[in-house]
Amino acid sequence: MYEVKINTDVIKLDSFLKWCGAVSQGAEAKIFIKKGMVKVNGKMETRRSRKLYKDFTVEFENKTYKII
């Protein structure tokens, strides 16, 4: 599990994928999210604007990221 520190109280899912380095562009994040390839707290998420908070987990491409 990778721990990723954010500088705000909340971050959108597509922005988080860019922030942690899982994708290089926002458009890329949007495609993966819309295809159902991302899980938030163990559940598939298709909304790129899904708000994430500290202690949430994001799963993408066999990696798990925990927001701290």
Protein backbone atom coordinates (compact mmCIF):
# COMPACT_ATOMS: atom_id res chain seq x y z
CA MET A 1 0.00 0.00 0.00
CA TYR A 2 1.25 3.44 -0.94
CA GLU A 3 0.52 6.36 1.38
CA VAL A 4 -0.19 9.62 -0.42
CA LYS A 5 -0.28 12.93 1.44
CA ILE A 6 -2.65 15.58 0.13
CA ASN A 7 -2.42 19.27 1.00
CA THR A 8 -6.17 19.87 1.18
CA ASP A 9 -9.11 18.37 3.07
CA VAL A 10 -10.66 16.98 -0.12
CA ILE A 11 -9.47 16.04 -3.62
CA LYS A 12 -11.36 14.83 -6.70
CA LEU A 13 -10.68 11.31 -7.91
CA ASP A 14 -9.26 12.32 -11.30
CA SER A 15 -6.99 14.89 -9.67
CA PHE A 16 -5.84 12.33 -7.11
CA LEU A 17 -4.78 9.87 -9.82
CA LYS A 18 -2.61 12.62 -11.33
CA TRP A 19 -1.31 13.75 -7.92
CA CYS A 20 -0.10 10.28 -6.92
CA GLY A 21 1.48 9.64 -10.32
CA ALA A 22 -0.82 6.79 -11.35
CA VAL A 23 -1.62 8.63 -14.61
CA SER A 24 0.14 11.45 -16.43
CA GLN A 25 -2.90 13.41 -17.67
CA GLY A 26 -6.39 14.19 -16.48
CA ALA A 27 -7.88 12.90 -19.72
CA GLU A 28 -6.19 9.57 -19.09
CA ALA A 29 -7.65 9.44 -15.57
CA LYS A 30 -11.13 10.19 -16.95
CA ILE A 31 -10.95 7.23 -19.35
CA PHE A 32 -9.85 4.76 -16.67
CA ILE A 33 -12.52 5.98 -14.24
CA LYS A 34 -15.33 5.86 -16.83
CA LYS A 35 -14.31 2.29 -17.76
CA GLY A 36 -14.74 1.23 -14.12
CA MET A 37 -11.07 0.49 -13.58
CA VAL A 38 -10.79 2.42 -10.29
CA LYS A 39 -12.10 1.48 -6.87
CA VAL A 40 -12.64 3.83 -3.94
CA ASN A 41 -12.83 2.14 -0.53
CA GLY A 42 -13.26 -1.22 -2.27
CA LYS A 43 -16.15 -0.19 -4.56
CA MET A 44 -15.97 0.56 -8.27
CA GLU A 45 -16.24 4.29 -8.94
CA THR A 46 -17.18 5.82 -12.30
CA ARG A 47 -17.50 9.46 -11.23
CA ARG A 48 -14.29 11.37 -11.89
CA SER A 49 -15.44 14.18 -9.60
CA ARG A 50 -15.88 11.77 -6.65
CA LYS A 51 -14.59 13.59 -3.59
CA LEU A 52 -11.90 11.82 -1.61
CA TYR A 53 -10.94 12.50 1.99
CA LYS A 54 -8.14 11.44 4.29
CA ASP A 55 -8.12 7.71 5.16
CA PHE A 56 -9.86 6.78 1.88
CA THR A 57 -8.23 4.11 -0.25
CA VAL A 58 -8.02 4.08 -4.04
CA GLU A 59 -7.24 0.93 -6.01
CA PHE A 60 -5.92 1.20 -9.56
CA GLU A 61 -3.83 -1.18 -11.68
CA ASN A 62 -3.17 -3.61 -8.83
CA LYS A 63 -1.92 -0.83 -6.54
CA THR A 64 -3.61 0.56 -3.45
CA TYR A 65 -3.17 4.17 -2.39
CA LYS A 66 -4.18 5.44 1.05
CA ILE A 67 -4.81 9.14 1.44
CA ILE A 68 -3.11 10.63 4.48
